[in-house]
Amino acid sequence: RVDDPGKAIEFKETFEYTSFAYYPKIDETKVQPLPSDWNGA
């Protein structure tokens, strides 16, 4: 609630997360068709 319009209101959050590189070994010759139940997603 804004009780004093002349006073700044602050909202703060502090969180942690894990970040990592992603490097799967992909090969054009091993590509497969979409699953039979993909349904156009």
ModelCIF file with pLDDT and N, C-alpha, C, O atoms, coordinates in Angstrom:
data_MODEL
#
_entry.id   MODEL 
#
_entity.id                         1 
_entity.type                       polymer 
_entity.pdbx_number_of_molecules   1 
#
_entity_poly.entity_id                      1 
_entity_poly.type                           'polypeptide(L)' 
_entity_poly.nstd_linkage                   no 
_entity_poly.nstd_monomer                   no 
_entity_poly.pdbx_seq_one_letter_code       RVDDPGKAIEFKETFEYTSFAYYPKIDETKVQPLPSDWNGA 
_entity_poly.pdbx_seq_one_letter_code_can   RVDDPGKAIEFKETFEYTSFAYYPKIDETKVQPLPSDWNGA 
_entity_poly.pdbx_strand_id                 A 
#
loop_
_entity_poly_seq.entity_id 
_entity_poly_seq.num 
_entity_poly_seq.mon_id 
_entity_poly_seq.hetero 
1 1  ARG n 
1 2  VAL n 
1 3  ASP n 
1 4  ASP n 
1 5  PRO n 
1 6  GLY n 
1 7  LYS n 
1 8  ALA n 
1 9  ILE n 
1 10 GLU n 
1 11 PHE n 
1 12 LYS n 
1 13 GLU n 
1 14 THR n 
1 15 PHE n 
1 16 GLU n 
1 17 TYR n 
1 18 THR n 
1 19 SER n 
1 20 PHE n 
1 21 ALA n 
1 22 TYR n 
1 23 TYR n 
1 24 PRO n 
1 25 LYS n 
1 26 ILE n 
1 27 ASP n 
1 28 GLU n 
1 29 THR n 
1 30 LYS n 
1 31 VAL n 
1 32 GLN n 
1 33 PRO n 
1 34 LEU n 
1 35 PRO n 
1 36 SER n 
1 37 ASP n 
1 38 TRP n 
1 39 ASN n 
1 40 GLY n 
1 41 ALA n 
#
_struct_asym.id          A 
_struct_asym.entity_id   1 
#
loop_
_ma_qa_metric.id 
_ma_qa_metric.mode 
_ma_qa_metric.name 
_ma_qa_metric.software_group_id 
_ma_qa_metric.type 
1 global pLDDT . pLDDT 
2 local  pLDDT . pLDDT 
#
_ma_qa_metric_global.metric_id      1 
_ma_qa_metric_global.metric_value   94.44 
_ma_qa_metric_global.model_id       1 
_ma_qa_metric_global.ordinal_id     1 
#
loop_
_ma_qa_metric_local.label_asym_id 
_ma_qa_metric_local.label_comp_id 
_ma_qa_metric_local.label_seq_id 
_ma_qa_metric_local.metric_id 
_ma_qa_metric_local.metric_value 
_ma_qa_metric_local.model_id 
_ma_qa_metric_local.ordinal_id 
A ARG 1  2 94.00 1 1  
A VAL 2  2 93.00 1 2  
A ASP 3  2 93.00 1 3  
A ASP 4  2 94.00 1 4  
A PRO 5  2 89.00 1 5  
A GLY 6  2 91.00 1 6  
A LYS 7  2 93.00 1 7  
A ALA 8  2 92.00 1 8  
A ILE 9  2 94.00 1 9  
A GLU 10 2 95.00 1 10 
A PHE 11 2 97.00 1 11 
A LYS 12 2 97.00 1 12 
A GLU 13 2 96.00 1 13 
A THR 14 2 96.00 1 14 
A PHE 15 2 95.00 1 15 
A GLU 16 2 94.00 1 16 
A TYR 17 2 93.00 1 17 
A THR 18 2 92.00 1 18 
A SER 19 2 91.00 1 19 
A PHE 20 2 93.00 1 20 
A ALA 21 2 96.00 1 21 
A TYR 22 2 96.00 1 22 
A TYR 23 2 96.00 1 23 
A PRO 24 2 96.00 1 24 
A LYS 25 2 95.00 1 25 
A ILE 26 2 96.00 1 26 
A ASP 27 2 96.00 1 27 
A GLU 28 2 95.00 1 28 
A THR 29 2 97.00 1 29 
A LYS 30 2 98.00 1 30 
A VAL 31 2 98.00 1 31 
A GLN 32 2 97.00 1 32 
A PRO 33 2 96.00 1 33 
A LEU 34 2 96.00 1 34 
A PRO 35 2 94.00 1 35 
A SER 36 2 93.00 1 36 
A ASP 37 2 91.00 1 37 
A TRP 38 2 94.00 1 38 
A ASN 39 2 91.00 1 39 
A GLY 40 2 94.00 1 40 
A ALA 41 2 95.00 1 41 
#
loop_
_atom_site.group_PDB 
_atom_site.id 
_atom_site.type_symbol 
_atom_site.label_atom_id 
_atom_site.label_alt_id 
_atom_site.label_comp_id 
_atom_site.label_asym_id 
_atom_site.label_entity_id 
_atom_site.label_seq_id 
_atom_site.pdbx_PDB_ins_code 
_atom_site.Cartn_x 
_atom_site.Cartn_y 
_atom_site.Cartn_z 
_atom_site.occupancy 
_atom_site.B_iso_or_equiv 
_atom_site.pdbx_formal_charge 
_atom_site.auth_seq_id 
_atom_site.auth_comp_id 
_atom_site.auth_asym_id 
_atom_site.auth_atom_id 
_atom_site.pdbx_PDB_model_num 
ATOM 1   N N  . ARG A 1 1  ? 0.835  -1.191  0.000   1.00 94.00 ? 1  ARG A N  1 
ATOM 2   C CA . ARG A 1 1  ? 0.000  0.000   0.000   1.00 94.00 ? 1  ARG A CA 1 
ATOM 3   C C  . ARG A 1 1  ? 0.881  1.257   0.000   1.00 94.00 ? 1  ARG A C  1 
ATOM 4   O O  . ARG A 1 1  ? 1.890  1.315   0.703   1.00 94.00 ? 1  ARG A O  1 
ATOM 5   N N  . VAL A 1 2  ? 0.493  2.249   -0.788  1.00 93.00 ? 2  VAL A N  1 
ATOM 6   C CA . VAL A 1 2  ? 1.217  3.517   -0.831  1.00 93.00 ? 2  VAL A CA 1 
ATOM 7   C C  . VAL A 1 2  ? 0.627  4.441   0.236   1.00 93.00 ? 2  VAL A C  1 
ATOM 8   O O  . VAL A 1 2  ? -0.442 5.020   0.041   1.00 93.00 ? 2  VAL A O  1 
ATOM 9   N N  . ASP A 1 3  ? 1.317  4.572   1.344   1.00 93.00 ? 3  ASP A N  1 
ATOM 10  C CA . ASP A 1 3  ? 0.856  5.451   2.427   1.00 93.00 ? 3  ASP A CA 1 
ATOM 11  C C  . ASP A 1 3  ? 1.385  6.871   2.276   1.00 93.00 ? 3  ASP A C  1 
ATOM 12  O O  . ASP A 1 3  ? 0.712  7.834   2.643   1.00 93.00 ? 3  ASP A O  1 
ATOM 13  N N  . ASP A 1 4  ? 2.594  6.995   1.733   1.00 94.00 ? 4  ASP A N  1 
ATOM 14  C CA . ASP A 1 4  ? 3.214  8.307   1.544   1.00 94.00 ? 4  ASP A CA 1 
ATOM 15  C C  . ASP A 1 4  ? 3.710  8.407   0.106   1.00 94.00 ? 4  ASP A C  1 
ATOM 16  O O  . ASP A 1 4  ? 4.767  7.863   -0.213  1.00 94.00 ? 4  ASP A O  1 
ATOM 17  N N  . PRO A 1 5  ? 2.964  9.097   -0.780  1.00 89.00 ? 5  PRO A N  1 
ATOM 18  C CA . PRO A 1 5  ? 3.357  9.186   -2.191  1.00 89.00 ? 5  PRO A CA 1 
ATOM 19  C C  . PRO A 1 5  ? 4.729  9.820   -2.402  1.00 89.00 ? 5  PRO A C  1 
ATOM 20  O O  . PRO A 1 5  ? 5.328  9.625   -3.459  1.00 89.00 ? 5  PRO A O  1 
ATOM 21  N N  . GLY A 1 6  ? 5.239  10.564  -1.441  1.00 91.00 ? 6  GLY A N  1 
ATOM 22  C CA . GLY A 1 6  ? 6.540  11.206  -1.587  1.00 91.00 ? 6  GLY A CA 1 
ATOM 23  C C  . GLY A 1 6  ? 7.697  10.315  -1.183  1.00 91.00 ? 6  GLY A C  1 
ATOM 24  O O  . GLY A 1 6  ? 8.854  10.714  -1.317  1.00 91.00 ? 6  GLY A O  1 
ATOM 25  N N  . LYS A 1 7  ? 7.414  9.123   -0.693  1.00 93.00 ? 7  LYS A N  1 
ATOM 26  C CA . LYS A 1 7  ? 8.462  8.219   -0.232  1.00 93.00 ? 7  LYS A CA 1 
ATOM 27  C C  . LYS A 1 7  ? 8.585  7.038   -1.187  1.00 93.00 ? 7  LYS A C  1 
ATOM 28  O O  . LYS A 1 7  ? 7.590  6.418   -1.562  1.00 93.00 ? 7  LYS A O  1 
ATOM 29  N N  . ALA A 1 8  ? 9.808  6.743   -1.569  1.00 92.00 ? 8  ALA A N  1 
ATOM 30  C CA . ALA A 1 8  ? 10.043 5.631   -2.505  1.00 92.00 ? 8  ALA A CA 1 
ATOM 31  C C  . ALA A 1 8  ? 9.676  4.296   -1.872  1.00 92.00 ? 8  ALA A C  1 
ATOM 32  O O  . ALA A 1 8  ? 9.881  4.091   -0.675  1.00 92.00 ? 8  ALA A O  1 
ATOM 33  N N  . ILE A 1 9  ? 9.139  3.401   -2.668  1.00 94.00 ? 9  ILE A N  1 
ATOM 34  C CA . ILE A 1 9  ? 8.824  2.044   -2.237  1.00 94.00 ? 9  ILE A CA 1 
ATOM 35  C C  . ILE A 1 9  ? 9.802  1.094   -2.918  1.00 94.00 ? 9  ILE A C  1 
ATOM 36  O O  . ILE A 1 9  ? 10.037 1.198   -4.122  1.00 94.00 ? 9  ILE A O  1 
ATOM 37  N N  . GLU A 1 10 ? 10.367 0.177   -2.155  1.00 95.00 ? 10 GLU A N  1 
ATOM 38  C CA . GLU A 1 10 ? 11.323 -0.773  -2.705  1.00 95.00 ? 10 GLU A CA 1 
ATOM 39  C C  . GLU A 1 10 ? 10.824 -2.199  -2.528  1.00 95.00 ? 10 GLU A C  1 
ATOM 40  O O  . GLU A 1 10 ? 10.258 -2.553  -1.494  1.00 95.00 ? 10 GLU A O  1 
ATOM 41  N N  . PHE A 1 11 ? 11.043 -3.006  -3.552  1.00 97.00 ? 11 PHE A N  1 
ATOM 42  C CA . PHE A 1 11 ? 10.802 -4.447  -3.477  1.00 97.00 ? 11 PHE A CA 1 
ATOM 43  C C  . PHE A 1 11 ? 12.128 -5.137  -3.787  1.00 97.00 ? 11 PHE A C  1 
ATOM 44  O O  . PHE A 1 11 ? 12.813 -4.777  -4.745  1.00 97.00 ? 11 PHE A O  1 
ATOM 45  N N  . LYS A 1 12 ? 12.483 -6.125  -2.979  1.00 97.00 ? 12 LYS A N  1 
ATOM 46  C CA . LYS A 1 12 ? 13.784 -6.769  -3.139  1.00 97.00 ? 12 LYS A CA 1 
ATOM 47  C C  . LYS A 1 12 ? 13.636 -8.290  -3.127  1.00 97.00 ? 12 LYS A C  1 
ATOM 48  O O  . LYS A 1 12 ? 12.789 -8.851  -2.431  1.00 97.00 ? 12 LYS A O  1 
ATOM 49  N N  . GLU A 1 13 ? 14.470 -8.920  -3.905  1.00 96.00 ? 13 GLU A N  1 
ATOM 50  C CA . GLU A 1 13 ? 14.558 -10.385 -3.864  1.00 96.00 ? 13 GLU A CA 1 
ATOM 51  C C  . GLU A 1 13 ? 16.013 -10.799 -4.038  1.00 96.00 ? 13 GLU A C  1 
ATOM 52  O O  . GLU A 1 13 ? 16.756 -10.188 -4.806  1.00 96.00 ? 13 GLU A O  1 
ATOM 53  N N  . THR A 1 14 ? 16.404 -11.826 -3.331  1.00 96.00 ? 14 THR A N  1 
ATOM 54  C CA . THR A 1 14 ? 17.745 -12.395 -3.456  1.00 96.00 ? 14 THR A CA 1 
ATOM 55  C C  . THR A 1 14 ? 17.591 -13.892 -3.683  1.00 96.00 ? 14 THR A C  1 
ATOM 56  O O  . THR A 1 14 ? 16.981 -14.590 -2.873  1.00 96.00 ? 14 THR A O  1 
ATOM 57  N N  . PHE A 1 15 ? 18.138 -14.376 -4.772  1.00 95.00 ? 15 PHE A N  1 
ATOM 58  C CA . PHE A 1 15 ? 18.003 -15.800 -5.072  1.00 95.00 ? 15 PHE A CA 1 
ATOM 59  C C  . PHE A 1 15 ? 19.295 -16.328 -5.667  1.00 95.00 ? 15 PHE A C  1 
ATOM 60  O O  . PHE A 1 15 ? 20.137 -15.560 -6.133  1.00 95.00 ? 15 PHE A O  1 
ATOM 61  N N  . GLU A 1 16 ? 19.444 -17.634 -5.647  1.00 94.00 ? 16 GLU A N  1 
ATOM 62  C CA . GLU A 1 16 ? 20.618 -18.265 -6.241  1.00 94.00 ? 16 GLU A CA 1 
ATOM 63  C C  . GLU A 1 16 ? 20.167 -19.301 -7.266  1.00 94.00 ? 16 GLU A C  1 
ATOM 64  O O  . GLU A 1 16 ? 19.070 -19.852 -7.182  1.00 94.00 ? 16 GLU A O  1 
ATOM 65  N N  . TYR A 1 17 ? 21.037 -19.546 -8.227  1.00 93.00 ? 17 TYR A N  1 
ATOM 66  C CA . TYR A 1 17 ? 20.743 -20.529 -9.272  1.00 93.00 ? 17 TYR A CA 1 
ATOM 67  C C  . TYR A 1 17 ? 22.051 -21.120 -9.765  1.00 93.00 ? 17 TYR A C  1 
ATOM 68  O O  . TYR A 1 17 ? 23.121 -20.547 -9.558  1.00 93.00 ? 17 TYR A O  1 
ATOM 69  N N  . THR A 1 18 ? 21.960 -22.254 -10.408 1.00 92.00 ? 18 THR A N  1 
ATOM 70  C CA . THR A 1 18 ? 23.127 -22.923 -10.970 1.00 92.00 ? 18 THR A CA 1 
ATOM 71  C C  . THR A 1 18 ? 23.129 -22.739 -12.478 1.00 92.00 ? 18 THR A C  1 
ATOM 72  O O  . THR A 1 18 ? 22.124 -22.992 -13.142 1.00 92.00 ? 18 THR A O  1 
ATOM 73  N N  . SER A 1 19 ? 24.242 -22.304 -13.007 1.00 91.00 ? 19 SER A N  1 
ATOM 74  C CA . SER A 1 19 ? 24.369 -22.078 -14.444 1.00 91.00 ? 19 SER A CA 1 
ATOM 75  C C  . SER A 1 19 ? 25.507 -22.922 -14.983 1.00 91.00 ? 19 SER A C  1 
ATOM 76  O O  . SER A 1 19 ? 26.563 -23.020 -14.359 1.00 91.00 ? 19 SER A O  1 
ATOM 77  N N  . PHE A 1 20 ? 25.296 -23.534 -16.149 1.00 93.00 ? 20 PHE A N  1 
ATOM 78  C CA . PHE A 1 20 ? 26.342 -24.375 -16.712 1.00 93.00 ? 20 PHE A CA 1 
ATOM 79  C C  . PHE A 1 20 ? 26.253 -24.376 -18.234 1.00 93.00 ? 20 PHE A C  1 
ATOM 80  O O  . PHE A 1 20 ? 25.182 -24.163 -18.803 1.00 93.00 ? 20 PHE A O  1 
ATOM 81  N N  . ALA A 1 21 ? 27.377 -24.617 -18.881 1.00 96.00 ? 21 ALA A N  1 
ATOM 82  C CA . ALA A 1 21 ? 27.391 -24.730 -20.334 1.00 96.00 ? 21 ALA A CA 1 
ATOM 83  C C  . ALA A 1 21 ? 26.705 -26.029 -20.745 1.00 96.00 ? 21 ALA A C  1 
ATOM 84  O O  . ALA A 1 21 ? 26.640 -26.988 -19.976 1.00 96.00 ? 21 ALA A O  1 
ATOM 85  N N  . TYR A 1 22 ? 26.195 -26.037 -21.979 1.00 96.00 ? 22 TYR A N  1 
ATOM 86  C CA . TYR A 1 22 ? 25.520 -27.225 -22.493 1.00 96.00 ? 22 TYR A CA 1 
ATOM 87  C C  . TYR A 1 22 ? 26.106 -27.540 -23.858 1.00 96.00 ? 22 TYR A C  1 
ATOM 88  O O  . TYR A 1 22 ? 25.966 -26.753 -24.794 1.00 96.00 ? 22 TYR A O  1 
ATOM 89  N N  . TYR A 1 23 ? 26.769 -28.701 -23.973 1.00 96.00 ? 23 TYR A N  1 
ATOM 90  C CA . TYR A 1 23 ? 27.431 -29.048 -25.218 1.00 96.00 ? 23 TYR A CA 1 
ATOM 91  C C  . TYR A 1 23 ? 27.191 -30.514 -25.553 1.00 96.00 ? 23 TYR A C  1 
ATOM 92  O O  . TYR A 1 23 ? 28.094 -31.337 -25.406 1.00 96.00 ? 23 TYR A O  1 
ATOM 93  N N  . PRO A 1 24 ? 25.988 -30.848 -25.998 1.00 96.00 ? 24 PRO A N  1 
ATOM 94  C CA . PRO A 1 24 ? 25.736 -32.229 -26.416 1.00 96.00 ? 24 PRO A CA 1 
ATOM 95  C C  . PRO A 1 24 ? 26.467 -32.534 -27.722 1.00 96.00 ? 24 PRO A C  1 
ATOM 96  O O  . PRO A 1 24 ? 26.694 -31.638 -28.536 1.00 96.00 ? 24 PRO A O  1 
ATOM 97  N N  . LYS A 1 25 ? 26.825 -33.775 -27.914 1.00 95.00 ? 25 LYS A N  1 
ATOM 98  C CA . LYS A 1 25 ? 27.480 -34.189 -29.156 1.00 95.00 ? 25 LYS A CA 1 
ATOM 99  C C  . LYS A 1 25 ? 26.401 -34.535 -30.179 1.00 95.00 ? 25 LYS A C  1 
ATOM 100 O O  . LYS A 1 25 ? 25.831 -35.626 -30.155 1.00 95.00 ? 25 LYS A O  1 
ATOM 101 N N  . ILE A 1 26 ? 26.131 -33.587 -31.076 1.00 96.00 ? 26 ILE A N  1 
ATOM 102 C CA . ILE A 1 26 ? 25.094 -33.798 -32.080 1.00 96.00 ? 26 ILE A CA 1 
ATOM 103 C C  . ILE A 1 26 ? 25.728 -34.137 -33.423 1.00 96.00 ? 26 ILE A C  1 
ATOM 104 O O  . ILE A 1 26 ? 26.791 -33.625 -33.773 1.00 96.00 ? 26 ILE A O  1 
ATOM 105 N N  . ASP A 1 27 ? 25.061 -35.001 -34.161 1.00 96.00 ? 27 ASP A N  1 
ATOM 106 C CA . ASP A 1 27 ? 25.601 -35.522 -35.417 1.00 96.00 ? 27 ASP A CA 1 
ATOM 107 C C  . ASP A 1 27 ? 24.468 -35.569 -36.434 1.00 96.00 ? 27 ASP A C  1 
ATOM 108 O O  . ASP A 1 27 ? 23.436 -36.192 -36.188 1.00 96.00 ? 27 ASP A O  1 
ATOM 109 N N  . GLU A 1 28 ? 24.658 -34.914 -37.571 1.00 95.00 ? 28 GLU A N  1 
ATOM 110 C CA . GLU A 1 28 ? 23.618 -34.877 -38.601 1.00 95.00 ? 28 GLU A CA 1 
ATOM 111 C C  . GLU A 1 28 ? 23.185 -36.271 -39.034 1.00 95.00 ? 28 GLU A C  1 
ATOM 112 O O  . GLU A 1 28 ? 22.018 -36.487 -39.361 1.00 95.00 ? 28 GLU A O  1 
ATOM 113 N N  . THR A 1 29 ? 24.116 -37.215 -39.037 1.00 97.00 ? 29 THR A N  1 
ATOM 114 C CA . THR A 1 29 ? 23.801 -38.563 -39.524 1.00 97.00 ? 29 THR A CA 1 
ATOM 115 C C  . THR A 1 29 ? 22.948 -39.357 -38.543 1.00 97.00 ? 29 THR A C  1 
ATOM 116 O O  . THR A 1 29 ? 22.431 -40.416 -38.899 1.00 97.00 ? 29 THR A O  1 
ATOM 117 N N  . LYS A 1 30 ? 22.793 -38.870 -37.323 1.00 98.00 ? 30 LYS A N  1 
ATOM 118 C CA . LYS A 1 30 ? 22.039 -39.601 -36.311 1.00 98.00 ? 30 LYS A CA 1 
ATOM 119 C C  . LYS A 1 30 ? 20.682 -38.973 -36.006 1.00 98.00 ? 30 LYS A C  1 
ATOM 120 O O  . LYS A 1 30 ? 20.006 -39.394 -35.068 1.00 98.00 ? 30 LYS A O  1 
ATOM 121 N N  . VAL A 1 31 ? 20.275 -37.973 -36.786 1.00 98.00 ? 31 VAL A N  1 
ATOM 122 C CA . VAL A 1 31 ? 18.983 -37.324 -36.582 1.00 98.00 ? 31 VAL A CA 1 
ATOM 123 C C  . VAL A 1 31 ? 17.850 -38.311 -36.866 1.00 98.00 ? 31 VAL A C  1 
ATOM 124 O O  . VAL A 1 31 ? 17.901 -39.083 -37.823 1.00 98.00 ? 31 VAL A O  1 
ATOM 125 N N  . GLN A 1 32 ? 16.846 -38.265 -36.024 1.00 97.00 ? 32 GLN A N  1 
ATOM 126 C CA . GLN A 1 32 ? 15.691 -39.151 -36.157 1.00 97.00 ? 32 GLN A CA 1 
ATOM 127 C C  . GLN A 1 32 ? 14.431 -38.338 -36.439 1.00 97.00 ? 32 GLN A C  1 
ATOM 128 O O  . GLN A 1 32 ? 14.407 -37.136 -36.172 1.00 97.00 ? 32 GLN A O  1 
ATOM 129 N N  . PRO A 1 33 ? 13.386 -38.965 -36.972 1.00 96.00 ? 33 PRO A N  1 
ATOM 130 C CA . PRO A 1 33 ? 12.114 -38.255 -37.172 1.00 96.00 ? 33 PRO A CA 1 
ATOM 131 C C  . PRO A 1 33 ? 11.511 -37.849 -35.832 1.00 96.00 ? 33 PRO A C  1 
ATOM 132 O O  . PRO A 1 33 ? 11.892 -38.372 -34.785 1.00 96.00 ? 33 PRO A O  1 
ATOM 133 N N  . LEU A 1 34 ? 10.572 -36.918 -35.875 1.00 96.00 ? 34 LEU A N  1 
ATOM 134 C CA . LEU A 1 34 ? 9.856  -36.531 -34.664 1.00 96.00 ? 34 LEU A CA 1 
ATOM 135 C C  . LEU A 1 34 ? 9.091  -37.727 -34.111 1.00 96.00 ? 34 LEU A C  1 
ATOM 136 O O  . LEU A 1 34 ? 8.692  -38.604 -34.876 1.00 96.00 ? 34 LEU A O  1 
ATOM 137 N N  . PRO A 1 35 ? 8.877  -37.781 -32.794 1.00 94.00 ? 35 PRO A N  1 
ATOM 138 C CA . PRO A 1 35 ? 8.094  -38.875 -32.217 1.00 94.00 ? 35 PRO A CA 1 
ATOM 139 C C  . PRO A 1 35 ? 6.711  -38.962 -32.867 1.00 94.00 ? 35 PRO A C  1 
ATOM 140 O O  . PRO A 1 35 ? 6.159  -37.948 -33.296 1.00 94.00 ? 35 PRO A O  1 
ATOM 141 N N  . SER A 1 36 ? 6.160  -40.162 -32.938 1.00 93.00 ? 36 SER A N  1 
ATOM 142 C CA . SER A 1 36 ? 4.873  -40.374 -33.604 1.00 93.00 ? 36 SER A CA 1 
ATOM 143 C C  . SER A 1 36 ? 3.735  -39.620 -32.922 1.00 93.00 ? 36 SER A C  1 
ATOM 144 O O  . SER A 1 36 ? 2.720  -39.319 -33.550 1.00 93.00 ? 36 SER A O  1 
ATOM 145 N N  . ASP A 1 37 ? 3.906  -39.317 -31.633 1.00 91.00 ? 37 ASP A N  1 
ATOM 146 C CA . ASP A 1 37 ? 2.855  -38.605 -30.891 1.00 91.00 ? 37 ASP A CA 1 
ATOM 147 C C  . ASP A 1 37 ? 3.156  -37.109 -30.747 1.00 91.00 ? 37 ASP A C  1 
ATOM 148 O O  . ASP A 1 37 ? 2.620  -36.469 -29.842 1.00 91.00 ? 37 ASP A O  1 
ATOM 149 N N  . TRP A 1 38 ? 3.993  -36.538 -31.610 1.00 94.00 ? 38 TRP A N  1 
ATOM 150 C CA . TRP A 1 38 ? 4.374  -35.140 -31.490 1.00 94.00 ? 38 TRP A CA 1 
ATOM 151 C C  . TRP A 1 38 ? 3.190  -34.204 -31.694 1.00 94.00 ? 38 TRP A C  1 
ATOM 152 O O  . TRP A 1 38 ? 3.079  -33.182 -31.016 1.00 94.00 ? 38 TRP A O  1 
ATOM 153 N N  . ASN A 1 39 ? 2.321  -34.543 -32.612 1.00 91.00 ? 39 ASN A N  1 
ATOM 154 C CA . ASN A 1 39 ? 1.054  -33.821 -32.820 1.00 91.00 ? 39 ASN A CA 1 
ATOM 155 C C  . ASN A 1 39 ? 1.235  -32.343 -33.171 1.00 91.00 ? 39 ASN A C  1 
ATOM 156 O O  . ASN A 1 39 ? 0.413  -31.510 -32.790 1.00 91.00 ? 39 ASN A O  1 
ATOM 157 N N  . GLY A 1 40 ? 2.286  -32.024 -33.882 1.00 94.00 ? 40 GLY A N  1 
ATOM 158 C CA . GLY A 1 40 ? 2.432  -30.673 -34.407 1.00 94.00 ? 40 GLY A CA 1 
ATOM 159 C C  . GLY A 1 40 ? 2.826  -29.604 -33.417 1.00 94.00 ? 40 GLY A C  1 
ATOM 160 O O  . GLY A 1 40 ? 2.720  -28.419 -33.735 1.00 94.00 ? 40 GLY A O  1 
ATOM 161 N N  . ALA A 1 41 ? 3.277  -29.971 -32.223 1.00 95.00 ? 41 ALA A N  1 
ATOM 162 C CA . ALA A 1 41 ? 3.630  -28.970 -31.211 1.00 95.00 ? 41 ALA A CA 1 
ATOM 163 C C  . ALA A 1 41 ? 4.788  -28.101 -31.690 1.00 95.00 ? 41 ALA A C  1 
ATOM 164 O O  . ALA A 1 41 ? 5.224  -27.202 -30.971 1.00 95.00 ? 41 ALA A O  1 
#
